[in-house]
Amino acid sequence: MQAIRKYIESYVSLSGTDWDQIAATLEMVFIKKDTILLEEGKICRYLYFLESGLMRFYIMKDGKDITKFFTDAPFCFTSQVSFTKGLPAQENIEALEDSVIWQMPVDKANQLLQIRGWSDFVRILIQQVQSYTESILQELQTVTAEERYRNMLMKEPQLVQRIPLKYLASYLGIAPQSLSRIRKQLSKAR
């Protein structure tokens, strides 16, 4: 549980009492690789902290799964609209690796908003997710799949190695064969 405290305190400071209240709402869960943590159409009732592992968010369209993004440890995540509004999720969340998560029920997360440190953390986290989402949208509109792949390799080379080719290609919006060609071209250029 120290990992989640350290993560939260990298954004805000918490008193011992505040942390005790937060910690009392958390439950550790082990998720096996390939487990669907949240299915499209179900309501997301938890805020999650990924202590170890890797998650993939994806949607189904015309029988094909399309990767939206990945969440790597350490990070907090949820299906934001489903969690905050109690609506059916528009996406699926799948474990790409065996993972350790801490989950907090929506009612407890909302009760904790009276704690200033927690409230500030949630606000900062929402801003961070919004900024990340905006950067993904901008990249989709202005950068080629090859450039996006190169950017990922520069920023997060270890993460790229952990993501199966078909999911990485789906995230980039290209066929796995196209990604294989891009990889070969880049390795020849080195």
Protein backbone atom coordinates (compact mmCIF):
# COMPACT_ATOMS: atom_id res chain seq x y z
CA MET A 1 0.00 0.00 0.00
CA GLN A 2 3.04 2.25 0.28
CA ALA A 3 3.21 2.53 -3.52
CA ILE A 4 -0.18 4.20 -3.73
CA ARG A 5 0.63 6.55 -0.85
CA LYS A 6 3.91 7.51 -2.51
CA TYR A 7 2.08 8.06 -5.80
CA ILE A 8 -0.59 10.32 -4.25
CA GLU A 9 2.03 12.21 -2.25
CA SER A 10 4.00 12.88 -5.44
CA TYR A 11 1.10 15.26 -6.23
CA VAL A 12 -0.12 16.45 -2.83
CA SER A 13 0.82 16.20 0.84
CA LEU A 14 -1.30 14.13 3.21
CA SER A 15 -1.39 14.01 6.98
CA GLY A 16 -1.21 10.62 8.66
CA THR A 17 -4.90 10.88 9.54
CA ASP A 18 -5.86 11.72 5.97
CA TRP A 19 -3.86 8.77 4.67
CA ASP A 20 -5.48 6.44 7.21
CA GLN A 21 -8.93 7.47 5.95
CA ILE A 22 -7.89 6.91 2.32
CA ALA A 23 -6.19 3.58 3.07
CA ALA A 24 -9.31 2.30 4.85
CA THR A 25 -11.26 2.54 1.55
CA LEU A 26 -8.78 0.54 -0.56
CA GLU A 27 -8.88 -3.14 -1.38
CA MET A 28 -6.04 -5.00 -3.11
CA VAL A 29 -6.95 -7.22 -6.07
CA PHE A 30 -4.72 -9.48 -8.17
CA ILE A 31 -5.73 -9.51 -11.83
CA LYS A 32 -4.48 -12.24 -14.16
CA LYS A 33 -3.25 -11.45 -17.66
CA ASP A 34 -6.08 -11.29 -20.25
CA THR A 35 -8.73 -10.62 -17.58
CA ILE A 36 -11.38 -8.07 -18.50
CA LEU A 37 -11.59 -5.73 -15.51
CA LEU A 38 -14.48 -3.73 -16.97
CA GLU A 39 -16.82 -4.68 -19.81
CA GLU A 40 -18.45 -2.20 -22.14
CA GLY A 41 -22.05 -1.66 -21.08
CA LYS A 42 -21.35 -2.27 -17.38
CA ILE A 43 -21.11 0.54 -14.85
CA CYS A 44 -17.63 1.21 -13.48
CA ARG A 45 -18.00 1.37 -9.71
CA TYR A 46 -14.32 1.73 -8.77
CA LEU A 47 -11.38 4.07 -8.96
CA TYR A 48 -8.29 1.92 -9.48
CA PHE A 49 -4.63 2.34 -8.68
CA LEU A 50 -2.33 0.16 -10.78
CA GLU A 51 0.57 -0.84 -8.56
CA SER A 52 2.11 -3.23 -11.07
CA GLY A 53 1.16 -4.48 -14.51
CA LEU A 54 -0.31 -3.02 -17.67
CA MET A 55 -3.89 -2.25 -18.70
CA ARG A 56 -5.43 -1.68 -22.13
CA PHE A 57 -8.54 0.40 -22.77
CA TYR A 58 -10.38 -0.58 -25.94
CA ILE A 59 -13.71 -0.25 -27.71
CA MET A 60 -15.54 -2.62 -30.03
CA LYS A 61 -16.61 -1.27 -33.42
CA ASP A 62 -18.13 -3.44 -36.13
CA GLY A 63 -16.81 -6.58 -34.40
CA LYS A 64 -13.25 -5.24 -34.27
CA ASP A 65 -11.48 -4.14 -31.11
CA ILE A 66 -9.78 -0.76 -31.25
CA THR A 67 -7.22 0.18 -28.61
CA LYS A 68 -7.76 3.65 -27.11
CA PHE A 69 -4.74 3.75 -24.81
CA PHE A 70 -2.66 1.88 -22.25
CA THR A 71 -2.21 2.46 -18.53
CA ASP A 72 1.14 1.51 -17.04
CA ALA A 73 2.02 1.33 -13.35
CA PRO A 74 2.00 3.36 -11.22
CA PHE A 75 -1.16 5.20 -12.19
CA CYS A 76 -4.77 5.76 -11.15
CA PHE A 77 -7.41 4.89 -13.71
CA THR A 78 -11.12 4.30 -14.20
CA SER A 79 -13.74 4.57 -16.88
CA GLN A 80 -14.15 8.27 -16.15
CA VAL A 81 -17.63 8.93 -17.56
CA SER A 82 -19.04 5.67 -16.23
CA PHE A 83 -17.47 6.18 -12.80
CA THR A 84 -18.47 9.82 -12.34
CA LYS A 85 -21.94 9.70 -13.94
CA GLY A 86 -22.99 6.10 -13.22
CA LEU A 87 -23.50 5.42 -16.92
CA PRO A 88 -22.67 2.19 -18.77
CA ALA A 89 -19.01 2.15 -19.83
CA GLN A 90 -18.24 2.83 -23.47
CA GLU A 91 -14.98 0.88 -23.26
CA ASN A 92 -13.43 -2.30 -21.96
CA ILE A 93 -10.43 -2.46 -19.64
CA GLU A 94 -8.20 -5.52 -19.98
CA ALA A 95 -5.07 -6.64 -18.12
CA LEU A 96 -2.22 -7.20 -20.58
CA GLU A 97 -0.05 -8.57 -17.77
CA ASP A 98 -0.65 -10.08 -14.36
CA SER A 99 -1.40 -6.95 -12.34
CA VAL A 100 -1.81 -5.73 -8.79
CA ILE A 101 -4.48 -3.08 -8.36
CA TRP A 102 -6.04 -1.28 -5.44
CA GLN A 103 -9.70 -0.46 -5.87
CA MET A 104 -11.82 2.18 -4.17
CA PRO A 105 -15.63 2.20 -4.48
CA VAL A 106 -17.20 5.30 -6.01
CA ASP A 107 -19.14 6.17 -2.84
CA LYS A 108 -15.95 6.07 -0.73
CA ALA A 109 -14.03 8.12 -3.32
CA ASN A 110 -16.76 10.75 -3.19
CA GLN A 111 -16.83 10.78 0.63
CA LEU A 112 -13.07 11.37 0.66
CA LEU A 113 -13.50 14.58 -1.35
CA GLN A 114 -13.97 16.35 1.99
CA ILE A 115 -10.26 15.73 2.64
CA ARG A 116 -8.39 18.61 1.03
CA GLY A 117 -5.37 16.53 -0.02
CA TRP A 118 -7.58 13.91 -1.66
CA SER A 119 -9.72 16.55 -3.34
CA ASP A 120 -6.61 18.28 -4.71
CA PHE A 121 -5.20 14.94 -5.90
CA VAL A 122 -8.42 14.08 -7.78
CA ARG A 123 -8.50 17.52 -9.40
CA ILE A 124 -4.85 17.23 -10.50
CA LEU A 125 -5.42 13.70 -11.78
CA ILE A 126 -8.45 14.78 -13.84
CA GLN A 127 -6.42 17.64 -15.32
CA GLN A 128 -3.58 15.26 -16.15
CA VAL A 129 -5.93 12.80 -17.87
CA GLN A 130 -7.59 15.63 -19.80
CA SER A 131 -4.21 16.93 -20.97
CA TYR A 132 -3.13 13.42 -22.02
CA THR A 133 -6.41 12.91 -23.91
CA GLU A 134 -5.99 16.21 -25.72
CA SER A 135 -2.44 15.30 -26.74
CA ILE A 136 -3.64 11.94 -28.12
CA LEU A 137 -6.36 13.69 -30.13
CA GLN A 138 -3.89 16.23 -31.48
CA GLU A 139 -1.46 13.48 -32.48
CA LEU A 140 -4.21 11.55 -34.24
CA GLN A 141 -5.02 14.63 -36.32
CA THR A 142 -1.50 15.85 -37.06
CA VAL A 143 1.00 12.99 -36.88
CA THR A 144 1.40 9.84 -38.98
CA ALA A 145 1.28 6.39 -37.40
CA GLU A 146 5.01 6.01 -38.01
CA GLU A 147 5.74 9.29 -36.22
CA ARG A 148 3.49 8.28 -33.31
CA TYR A 149 5.36 4.97 -33.07
CA ARG A 150 8.73 6.77 -33.13
CA ASN A 151 7.49 9.10 -30.37
CA MET A 152 6.45 6.12 -28.26
CA LEU A 153 9.85 4.50 -28.81
CA MET A 154 11.62 7.66 -27.68
CA LYS A 155 9.40 8.37 -24.67
CA GLU A 156 8.57 4.86 -23.46
CA PRO A 157 10.74 2.18 -25.12
CA GLN A 158 10.19 -0.38 -22.34
CA LEU A 159 6.42 0.04 -22.59
CA VAL A 160 6.47 -0.52 -26.36
CA GLN A 161 8.28 -3.82 -25.80
CA ARG A 162 5.58 -5.01 -23.38
CA ILE A 163 2.59 -4.34 -25.65
CA PRO A 164 1.60 -7.11 -28.09
CA LEU A 165 2.02 -6.05 -31.73
CA LYS A 166 -1.69 -6.34 -32.59
CA TYR A 167 -2.68 -3.96 -29.76
CA LEU A 168 0.08 -1.50 -30.55
CA ALA A 169 -0.96 -1.49 -34.22
CA SER A 170 -4.60 -0.99 -33.22
CA TYR A 171 -3.61 1.96 -31.01
CA LEU A 172 -1.68 3.50 -33.91
CA GLY A 173 -4.61 2.92 -36.27
CA ILE A 174 -2.74 0.64 -38.66
CA ALA A 175 -2.63 -3.05 -39.56
CA PRO A 176 -0.10 -5.26 -37.70
CA GLN A 177 1.66 -5.87 -41.03
CA SER A 178 2.16 -2.12 -41.49
CA LEU A 179 3.64 -1.84 -38.01
CA SER A 180 5.98 -4.75 -38.79
CA ARG A 181 7.15 -2.88 -41.91
CA ILE A 182 7.71 0.31 -39.88
CA ARG A 183 9.71 -1.63 -37.30
CA LYS A 184 11.89 -3.20 -40.01
CA GLN A 185 12.53 0.19 -41.64
CA LEU A 186 13.51 1.72 -38.31
CA SER A 187 15.84 -1.15 -37.43
CA LYS A 188 17.58 -0.84 -40.84
CA ALA A 189 18.00 2.90 -40.31
CA ARG A 190 19.92 2.35 -37.07
